[in-house]
All heavy atoms as atom14 arrays in JSON, in Angstrom:
{
  "sequence": "KSGTDIMEAPNSGDDQDPNQRPNKKKRYHRHTQHQIQEM",
  "atom14_mask": [
    [1, 1, 1, 1, 1, 1, 1, 1, 1, 0, 0, 0, 0, 0],
    [1, 1, 1, 1, 1, 1, 0, 0, 0, 0, 0, 0, 0, 0],
    [1, 1, 1, 1, 0, 0, 0, 0, 0, 0, 0, 0, 0, 0],
    [1, 1, 1, 1, 1, 1, 1, 0, 0, 0, 0, 0, 0, 0],
    [1, 1, 1, 1, 1, 1, 1, 1, 0, 0, 0, 0, 0, 0],
    [1, 1, 1, 1, 1, 1, 1, 1, 0, 0, 0, 0, 0, 0],
    [1, 1, 1, 1, 1, 1, 1, 1, 0, 0, 0, 0, 0, 0],
    [1, 1, 1, 1, 1, 1, 1, 1, 1, 0, 0, 0, 0, 0],
    [1, 1, 1, 1, 1, 0, 0, 0, 0, 0, 0, 0, 0, 0],
    [1, 1, 1, 1, 1, 1, 1, 0, 0, 0, 0, 0, 0, 0],
    [1, 1, 1, 1, 1, 1, 1, 1, 0, 0, 0, 0, 0, 0],
    [1, 1, 1, 1, 1, 1, 0, 0, 0, 0, 0, 0, 0, 0],
    [1, 1, 1, 1, 0, 0, 0, 0, 0, 0, 0, 0, 0, 0],
    [1, 1, 1, 1, 1, 1, 1, 1, 0, 0, 0, 0, 0, 0],
    [1, 1, 1, 1, 1, 1, 1, 1, 0, 0, 0, 0, 0, 0],
    [1, 1, 1, 1, 1, 1, 1, 1, 1, 0, 0, 0, 0, 0],
    [1, 1, 1, 1, 1, 1, 1, 1, 0, 0, 0, 0, 0, 0],
    [1, 1, 1, 1, 1, 1, 1, 0, 0, 0, 0, 0, 0, 0],
    [1, 1, 1, 1, 1, 1, 1, 1, 0, 0, 0, 0, 0, 0],
    [1, 1, 1, 1, 1, 1, 1, 1, 1, 0, 0, 0, 0, 0],
    [1, 1, 1, 1, 1, 1, 1, 1, 1, 1, 1, 0, 0, 0],
    [1, 1, 1, 1, 1, 1, 1, 0, 0, 0, 0, 0, 0, 0],
    [1, 1, 1, 1, 1, 1, 1, 1, 0, 0, 0, 0, 0, 0],
    [1, 1, 1, 1, 1, 1, 1, 1, 1, 0, 0, 0, 0, 0],
    [1, 1, 1, 1, 1, 1, 1, 1, 1, 0, 0, 0, 0, 0],
    [1, 1, 1, 1, 1, 1, 1, 1, 1, 0, 0, 0, 0, 0],
    [1, 1, 1, 1, 1, 1, 1, 1, 1, 1, 1, 0, 0, 0],
    [1, 1, 1, 1, 1, 1, 1, 1, 1, 1, 1, 1, 0, 0],
    [1, 1, 1, 1, 1, 1, 1, 1, 1, 1, 0, 0, 0, 0],
    [1, 1, 1, 1, 1, 1, 1, 1, 1, 1, 1, 0, 0, 0],
    [1, 1, 1, 1, 1, 1, 1, 1, 1, 1, 0, 0, 0, 0],
    [1, 1, 1, 1, 1, 1, 1, 0, 0, 0, 0, 0, 0, 0],
    [1, 1, 1, 1, 1, 1, 1, 1, 1, 0, 0, 0, 0, 0],
    [1, 1, 1, 1, 1, 1, 1, 1, 1, 1, 0, 0, 0, 0],
    [1, 1, 1, 1, 1, 1, 1, 1, 1, 0, 0, 0, 0, 0],
    [1, 1, 1, 1, 1, 1, 1, 1, 0, 0, 0, 0, 0, 0],
    [1, 1, 1, 1, 1, 1, 1, 1, 1, 0, 0, 0, 0, 0],
    [1, 1, 1, 1, 1, 1, 1, 1, 1, 0, 0, 0, 0, 0],
    [1, 1, 1, 1, 1, 1, 1, 1, 0, 0, 0, 0, 0, 0]
  ],
  "atom14_positions": [
    [[106.81, 127.25, 94.16], [107.2, 127.72, 95.49], [107.99, 126.64, 96.23], [108.49, 126.93, 97.34], [105.98, 128.1, 96.3], [105.18, 129.25, 95.66], [103.96, 129.55, 96.46], [103.12, 130.66, 95.81], [101.86, 130.93, 96.52], [0.0, 0.0, 0.0], [0.0, 0.0, 0.0], [0.0, 0.0, 0.0], [0.0, 0.0, 0.0], [0.0, 0.0, 0.0]],
    [[108.08, 125.45, 95.74], [108.73, 124.4, 96.47], [109.53, 123.54, 95.56], [109.11, 123.23, 94.47], [107.64, 123.52, 97.21], [108.27, 122.38, 97.76], [0.0, 0.0, 0.0], [0.0, 0.0, 0.0], [0.0, 0.0, 0.0], [0.0, 0.0, 0.0], [0.0, 0.0, 0.0], [0.0, 0.0, 0.0], [0.0, 0.0, 0.0], [0.0, 0.0, 0.0]],
    [[110.74, 123.16, 96.0], [111.57, 122.28, 95.19], [111.47, 120.85, 95.61], [112.02, 119.96, 95.0], [0.0, 0.0, 0.0], [0.0, 0.0, 0.0], [0.0, 0.0, 0.0], [0.0, 0.0, 0.0], [0.0, 0.0, 0.0], [0.0, 0.0, 0.0], [0.0, 0.0, 0.0], [0.0, 0.0, 0.0], [0.0, 0.0, 0.0], [0.0, 0.0, 0.0]],
    [[110.75, 120.53, 96.73], [110.67, 119.15, 97.21], [109.27, 118.6, 97.19], [109.09, 117.38, 97.19], [111.21, 119.07, 98.63], [110.43, 119.95, 99.48], [112.67, 119.53, 98.67], [0.0, 0.0, 0.0], [0.0, 0.0, 0.0], [0.0, 0.0, 0.0], [0.0, 0.0, 0.0], [0.0, 0.0, 0.0], [0.0, 0.0, 0.0], [0.0, 0.0, 0.0]],
    [[108.24, 119.41, 97.19], [106.84, 118.93, 97.22], [106.27, 118.99, 95.81], [106.37, 119.96, 95.12], [106.0, 119.8, 98.14], [106.44, 119.66, 99.54], [107.06, 118.65, 99.89], [106.17, 120.58, 100.33], [0.0, 0.0, 0.0], [0.0, 0.0, 0.0], [0.0, 0.0, 0.0], [0.0, 0.0, 0.0], [0.0, 0.0, 0.0], [0.0, 0.0, 0.0]],
    [[105.66, 117.89, 95.39], [105.01, 117.85, 94.1], [103.51, 117.66, 94.3], [103.07, 116.73, 94.99], [105.54, 116.68, 93.24], [106.97, 116.96, 92.84], [104.69, 116.45, 91.99], [107.08, 118.18, 91.94], [0.0, 0.0, 0.0], [0.0, 0.0, 0.0], [0.0, 0.0, 0.0], [0.0, 0.0, 0.0], [0.0, 0.0, 0.0], [0.0, 0.0, 0.0]],
    [[102.71, 118.54, 93.71], [101.25, 118.51, 93.87], [100.67, 117.76, 92.7], [100.99, 118.04, 91.55], [100.74, 119.94, 93.92], [99.26, 120.03, 94.03], [98.81, 121.76, 93.97], [99.41, 122.19, 92.39], [0.0, 0.0, 0.0], [0.0, 0.0, 0.0], [0.0, 0.0, 0.0], [0.0, 0.0, 0.0], [0.0, 0.0, 0.0], [0.0, 0.0, 0.0]],
    [[99.82, 116.82, 92.93], [99.19, 116.05, 91.89], [97.93, 116.71, 91.41], [97.09, 117.15, 92.25], [98.9, 114.63, 92.35], [100.18, 113.88, 92.73], [99.88, 112.45, 93.16], [98.71, 112.1, 93.21], [100.83, 111.71, 93.46], [0.0, 0.0, 0.0], [0.0, 0.0, 0.0], [0.0, 0.0, 0.0], [0.0, 0.0, 0.0], [0.0, 0.0, 0.0]],
    [[97.73, 116.83, 90.1], [96.56, 117.47, 89.53], [95.32, 116.64, 89.75], [95.38, 115.41, 89.83], [96.77, 117.72, 88.07], [0.0, 0.0, 0.0], [0.0, 0.0, 0.0], [0.0, 0.0, 0.0], [0.0, 0.0, 0.0], [0.0, 0.0, 0.0], [0.0, 0.0, 0.0], [0.0, 0.0, 0.0], [0.0, 0.0, 0.0], [0.0, 0.0, 0.0]],
    [[94.13, 117.25, 89.86], [92.9, 116.47, 90.03], [92.62, 115.64, 88.81], [93.02, 115.93, 87.71], [91.84, 117.59, 90.24], [92.43, 118.79, 89.59], [93.89, 118.68, 89.82], [0.0, 0.0, 0.0], [0.0, 0.0, 0.0], [0.0, 0.0, 0.0], [0.0, 0.0, 0.0], [0.0, 0.0, 0.0], [0.0, 0.0, 0.0], [0.0, 0.0, 0.0]],
    [[91.85, 114.59, 89.03], [91.5, 113.71, 87.91], [90.55, 114.4, 86.97], [89.77, 115.29, 87.35], [90.81, 112.44, 88.42], [91.8, 111.58, 89.2], [93.0, 111.57, 88.92], [91.28, 110.83, 90.19], [0.0, 0.0, 0.0], [0.0, 0.0, 0.0], [0.0, 0.0, 0.0], [0.0, 0.0, 0.0], [0.0, 0.0, 0.0], [0.0, 0.0, 0.0]],
    [[90.6, 114.06, 85.72], [89.7, 114.62, 84.73], [89.32, 113.55, 83.74], [89.95, 112.5, 83.66], [90.34, 115.81, 84.03], [91.48, 115.39, 83.38], [0.0, 0.0, 0.0], [0.0, 0.0, 0.0], [0.0, 0.0, 0.0], [0.0, 0.0, 0.0], [0.0, 0.0, 0.0], [0.0, 0.0, 0.0], [0.0, 0.0, 0.0], [0.0, 0.0, 0.0]],
    [[88.35, 113.78, 82.93], [87.96, 112.82, 81.9], [86.7, 112.06, 82.32], [85.82, 112.56, 82.97], [0.0, 0.0, 0.0], [0.0, 0.0, 0.0], [0.0, 0.0, 0.0], [0.0, 0.0, 0.0], [0.0, 0.0, 0.0], [0.0, 0.0, 0.0], [0.0, 0.0, 0.0], [0.0, 0.0, 0.0], [0.0, 0.0, 0.0], [0.0, 0.0, 0.0]],
    [[86.65, 110.77, 81.95], [85.42, 109.96, 82.14], [85.17, 109.7, 83.62], [84.03, 109.51, 84.02], [85.57, 108.64, 81.39], [85.68, 108.87, 79.9], [85.21, 109.93, 79.44], [86.21, 107.99, 79.2], [0.0, 0.0, 0.0], [0.0, 0.0, 0.0], [0.0, 0.0, 0.0], [0.0, 0.0, 0.0], [0.0, 0.0, 0.0], [0.0, 0.0, 0.0]],
    [[86.2, 109.65, 84.42], [86.0, 109.33, 85.84], [85.34, 110.46, 86.62], [84.97, 110.27, 87.77], [87.33, 108.97, 86.5], [87.94, 107.69, 85.88], [87.12, 106.89, 85.33], [89.15, 107.54, 85.94], [0.0, 0.0, 0.0], [0.0, 0.0, 0.0], [0.0, 0.0, 0.0], [0.0, 0.0, 0.0], [0.0, 0.0, 0.0], [0.0, 0.0, 0.0]],
    [[85.25, 111.63, 86.07], [84.77, 112.78, 86.82], [83.32, 113.03, 86.42], [82.95, 113.0, 85.25], [85.61, 114.02, 86.52], [85.21, 115.21, 87.3], [86.16, 116.39, 87.07], [87.19, 116.2, 86.47], [85.78, 117.56, 87.52], [0.0, 0.0, 0.0], [0.0, 0.0, 0.0], [0.0, 0.0, 0.0], [0.0, 0.0, 0.0], [0.0, 0.0, 0.0]],
    [[82.51, 113.26, 87.43], [81.09, 113.58, 87.21], [80.96, 114.95, 86.56], [81.42, 115.94, 87.12], [80.33, 113.56, 88.54], [78.81, 113.71, 88.33], [78.41, 113.97, 87.17], [78.08, 113.6, 89.34], [0.0, 0.0, 0.0], [0.0, 0.0, 0.0], [0.0, 0.0, 0.0], [0.0, 0.0, 0.0], [0.0, 0.0, 0.0], [0.0, 0.0, 0.0]],
    [[80.35, 115.05, 85.36], [80.27, 116.35, 84.69], [79.41, 117.33, 85.43], [79.54, 118.54, 85.23], [79.67, 116.01, 83.31], [78.97, 114.71, 83.51], [79.73, 113.96, 84.53], [0.0, 0.0, 0.0], [0.0, 0.0, 0.0], [0.0, 0.0, 0.0], [0.0, 0.0, 0.0], [0.0, 0.0, 0.0], [0.0, 0.0, 0.0], [0.0, 0.0, 0.0]],
    [[78.51, 116.86, 86.3], [77.62, 117.78, 87.06], [78.23, 118.23, 88.34], [77.62, 119.0, 89.08], [76.27, 117.11, 87.29], [75.55, 116.77, 85.99], [75.65, 117.52, 85.0], [74.87, 115.61, 85.94], [0.0, 0.0, 0.0], [0.0, 0.0, 0.0], [0.0, 0.0, 0.0], [0.0, 0.0, 0.0], [0.0, 0.0, 0.0], [0.0, 0.0, 0.0]],
    [[79.35, 117.65, 88.69], [79.98, 117.97, 89.97], [81.19, 118.87, 89.75], [81.97, 118.66, 88.86], [80.43, 116.67, 90.65], [81.05, 116.93, 92.05], [81.5, 115.64, 92.66], [81.26, 114.6, 92.1], [82.1, 115.72, 93.83], [0.0, 0.0, 0.0], [0.0, 0.0, 0.0], [0.0, 0.0, 0.0], [0.0, 0.0, 0.0], [0.0, 0.0, 0.0]],
    [[81.3, 119.92, 90.54], [82.45, 120.84, 90.43], [83.73, 120.1, 90.77], [83.74, 119.21, 91.58], [82.28, 122.03, 91.41], [81.13, 122.95, 91.03], [81.03, 124.1, 92.02], [82.26, 124.86, 92.07], [82.56, 125.82, 91.18], [81.73, 126.12, 90.21], [83.68, 126.47, 91.3], [0.0, 0.0, 0.0], [0.0, 0.0, 0.0], [0.0, 0.0, 0.0]],
    [[84.78, 120.43, 90.1], [86.06, 119.77, 90.37], [86.46, 119.9, 91.84], [86.18, 120.92, 92.48], [87.04, 120.5, 89.47], [86.19, 121.18, 88.44], [84.87, 121.45, 89.12], [0.0, 0.0, 0.0], [0.0, 0.0, 0.0], [0.0, 0.0, 0.0], [0.0, 0.0, 0.0], [0.0, 0.0, 0.0], [0.0, 0.0, 0.0], [0.0, 0.0, 0.0]],
    [[87.07, 118.84, 92.32], [87.56, 118.82, 93.69], [88.7, 119.78, 93.83], [89.73, 119.67, 93.21], [88.01, 117.41, 94.04], [88.38, 117.32, 95.52], [88.15, 118.26, 96.27], [88.94, 116.2, 95.89], [0.0, 0.0, 0.0], [0.0, 0.0, 0.0], [0.0, 0.0, 0.0], [0.0, 0.0, 0.0], [0.0, 0.0, 0.0], [0.0, 0.0, 0.0]],
    [[88.52, 120.8, 94.67], [89.51, 121.86, 94.88], [90.62, 121.41, 95.81], [91.67, 122.06, 95.92], [88.92, 123.14, 95.39], [87.92, 123.74, 94.46], [88.59, 124.24, 93.18], [87.65, 124.88, 92.21], [88.32, 125.35, 90.99], [0.0, 0.0, 0.0], [0.0, 0.0, 0.0], [0.0, 0.0, 0.0], [0.0, 0.0, 0.0], [0.0, 0.0, 0.0]],
    [[90.39, 120.32, 96.52], [91.4, 119.88, 97.48], [92.59, 119.27, 96.74], [92.42, 118.39, 95.89], [90.82, 118.83, 98.43], [91.79, 118.42, 99.53], [91.13, 117.48, 100.51], [92.08, 117.09, 101.64], [91.47, 116.17, 102.59], [0.0, 0.0, 0.0], [0.0, 0.0, 0.0], [0.0, 0.0, 0.0], [0.0, 0.0, 0.0], [0.0, 0.0, 0.0]],
    [[93.72, 119.73, 97.01], [94.92, 119.28, 96.3], [95.67, 118.29, 97.11], [95.77, 118.39, 98.33], [95.83, 120.5, 96.02], [95.12, 121.58, 95.19], [96.04, 122.81, 95.04], [95.33, 123.89, 94.21], [94.1, 124.4, 94.84], [0.0, 0.0, 0.0], [0.0, 0.0, 0.0], [0.0, 0.0, 0.0], [0.0, 0.0, 0.0], [0.0, 0.0, 0.0]],
    [[96.2, 117.31, 96.39], [96.98, 116.28, 97.06], [98.45, 116.51, 96.77], [98.83, 116.98, 95.69], [96.58, 114.88, 96.57], [95.18, 114.48, 97.03], [94.77, 113.14, 96.44], [94.66, 113.21, 95.01], [94.83, 112.17, 94.21], [95.18, 111.0, 94.71], [94.72, 112.31, 92.9], [0.0, 0.0, 0.0], [0.0, 0.0, 0.0], [0.0, 0.0, 0.0]],
    [[99.28, 116.21, 97.74], [100.71, 116.52, 97.64], [101.5, 115.22, 97.68], [101.13, 114.23, 98.31], [101.15, 117.46, 98.76], [100.4, 118.77, 98.75], [99.26, 118.93, 99.54], [100.85, 119.83, 97.95], [98.58, 120.13, 99.5], [100.15, 120.99, 97.91], [99.02, 121.17, 98.71], [98.34, 122.36, 98.63], [0.0, 0.0, 0.0], [0.0, 0.0, 0.0]],
    [[102.63, 115.28, 97.03], [103.57, 114.17, 97.08], [104.93, 114.67, 97.55], [105.51, 115.51, 96.84], [103.73, 113.52, 95.71], [104.83, 112.46, 95.66], [104.62, 111.21, 96.1], [106.14, 112.55, 95.24], [105.74, 110.53, 95.96], [106.67, 111.31, 95.43], [0.0, 0.0, 0.0], [0.0, 0.0, 0.0], [0.0, 0.0, 0.0], [0.0, 0.0, 0.0]],
    [[105.38, 114.28, 98.69], [106.66, 114.74, 99.18], [107.74, 113.71, 98.81], [107.61, 112.53, 99.06], [106.58, 114.89, 100.73], [107.89, 115.41, 101.32], [107.73, 115.74, 102.78], [106.79, 116.83, 102.99], [107.13, 118.1, 102.89], [108.35, 118.45, 102.58], [106.19, 119.03, 103.1], [0.0, 0.0, 0.0], [0.0, 0.0, 0.0], [0.0, 0.0, 0.0]],
    [[108.8, 114.23, 98.16], [109.89, 113.33, 97.74], [110.67, 112.85, 98.94], [110.81, 113.54, 99.96], [110.83, 114.11, 96.8], [110.16, 114.54, 95.55], [109.37, 113.72, 94.78], [110.2, 115.74, 94.88], [108.92, 114.34, 93.7], [109.43, 115.58, 93.76], [0.0, 0.0, 0.0], [0.0, 0.0, 0.0], [0.0, 0.0, 0.0], [0.0, 0.0, 0.0]],
    [[111.19, 111.65, 98.79], [112.09, 111.1, 99.8], [113.45, 111.78, 99.7], [113.81, 112.43, 98.72], [112.26, 109.61, 99.63], [112.94, 109.36, 98.38], [110.92, 108.89, 99.62], [0.0, 0.0, 0.0], [0.0, 0.0, 0.0], [0.0, 0.0, 0.0], [0.0, 0.0, 0.0], [0.0, 0.0, 0.0], [0.0, 0.0, 0.0], [0.0, 0.0, 0.0]],
    [[114.24, 111.64, 100.79], [115.55, 112.26, 100.77], [116.42, 111.66, 99.66], [117.24, 112.35, 99.05], [116.22, 112.0, 102.16], [117.5, 112.84, 102.39], [117.18, 114.33, 102.43], [116.1, 114.74, 102.78], [118.17, 115.12, 102.0], [0.0, 0.0, 0.0], [0.0, 0.0, 0.0], [0.0, 0.0, 0.0], [0.0, 0.0, 0.0], [0.0, 0.0, 0.0]],
    [[116.28, 110.38, 99.43], [117.07, 109.72, 98.36], [116.7, 110.28, 97.01], [117.59, 110.58, 96.19], [116.81, 108.22, 98.41], [117.4, 107.5, 97.2], [118.76, 107.35, 97.05], [116.8, 106.91, 96.14], [118.99, 106.7, 95.95], [117.82, 106.41, 95.39], [0.0, 0.0, 0.0], [0.0, 0.0, 0.0], [0.0, 0.0, 0.0], [0.0, 0.0, 0.0]],
    [[115.4, 110.49, 96.76], [114.99, 111.04, 95.48], [115.54, 112.45, 95.27], [116.0, 112.81, 94.21], [113.47, 111.05, 95.41], [112.85, 109.67, 95.29], [111.31, 109.69, 95.39], [110.74, 110.62, 96.03], [110.64, 108.71, 94.83], [0.0, 0.0, 0.0], [0.0, 0.0, 0.0], [0.0, 0.0, 0.0], [0.0, 0.0, 0.0], [0.0, 0.0, 0.0]],
    [[115.51, 113.24, 96.33], [115.99, 114.6, 96.25], [117.52, 114.62, 95.98], [117.98, 115.37, 95.12], [115.67, 115.4, 97.53], [114.16, 115.52, 97.69], [116.34, 116.76, 97.53], [113.73, 116.13, 99.02], [0.0, 0.0, 0.0], [0.0, 0.0, 0.0], [0.0, 0.0, 0.0], [0.0, 0.0, 0.0], [0.0, 0.0, 0.0], [0.0, 0.0, 0.0]],
    [[118.24, 113.77, 96.7], [119.69, 113.72, 96.5], [120.04, 113.3, 95.07], [120.95, 113.86, 94.44], [120.31, 112.75, 97.5], [120.3, 113.28, 98.93], [120.82, 112.27, 99.93], [121.1, 111.11, 99.57], [121.0, 112.69, 101.19], [0.0, 0.0, 0.0], [0.0, 0.0, 0.0], [0.0, 0.0, 0.0], [0.0, 0.0, 0.0], [0.0, 0.0, 0.0]],
    [[119.31, 112.32, 94.6], [119.59, 111.85, 93.2], [119.32, 112.93, 92.18], [120.09, 113.18, 91.25], [118.75, 110.61, 92.91], [119.22, 109.35, 93.59], [120.58, 108.87, 93.06], [120.78, 108.91, 91.87], [121.41, 108.5, 93.91], [0.0, 0.0, 0.0], [0.0, 0.0, 0.0], [0.0, 0.0, 0.0], [0.0, 0.0, 0.0], [0.0, 0.0, 0.0]],
    [[118.19, 113.64, 92.33], [117.83, 114.66, 91.38], [118.75, 115.89, 91.52], [119.09, 116.55, 90.54], [116.36, 115.08, 91.55], [115.44, 114.02, 91.01], [113.68, 114.55, 90.92], [113.25, 114.57, 92.62], [0.0, 0.0, 0.0], [0.0, 0.0, 0.0], [0.0, 0.0, 0.0], [0.0, 0.0, 0.0], [0.0, 0.0, 0.0], [0.0, 0.0, 0.0]]
  ]
}
């Protein structure tokens, strides 16, 4: 839905507590104007 915002996936593997449900809160990365222009 977005060409400028990149959402980072939640961590997985050893760092995640197996008894705890995955964190549903999503983190976003907004590209800078320079990055967008270059791409």
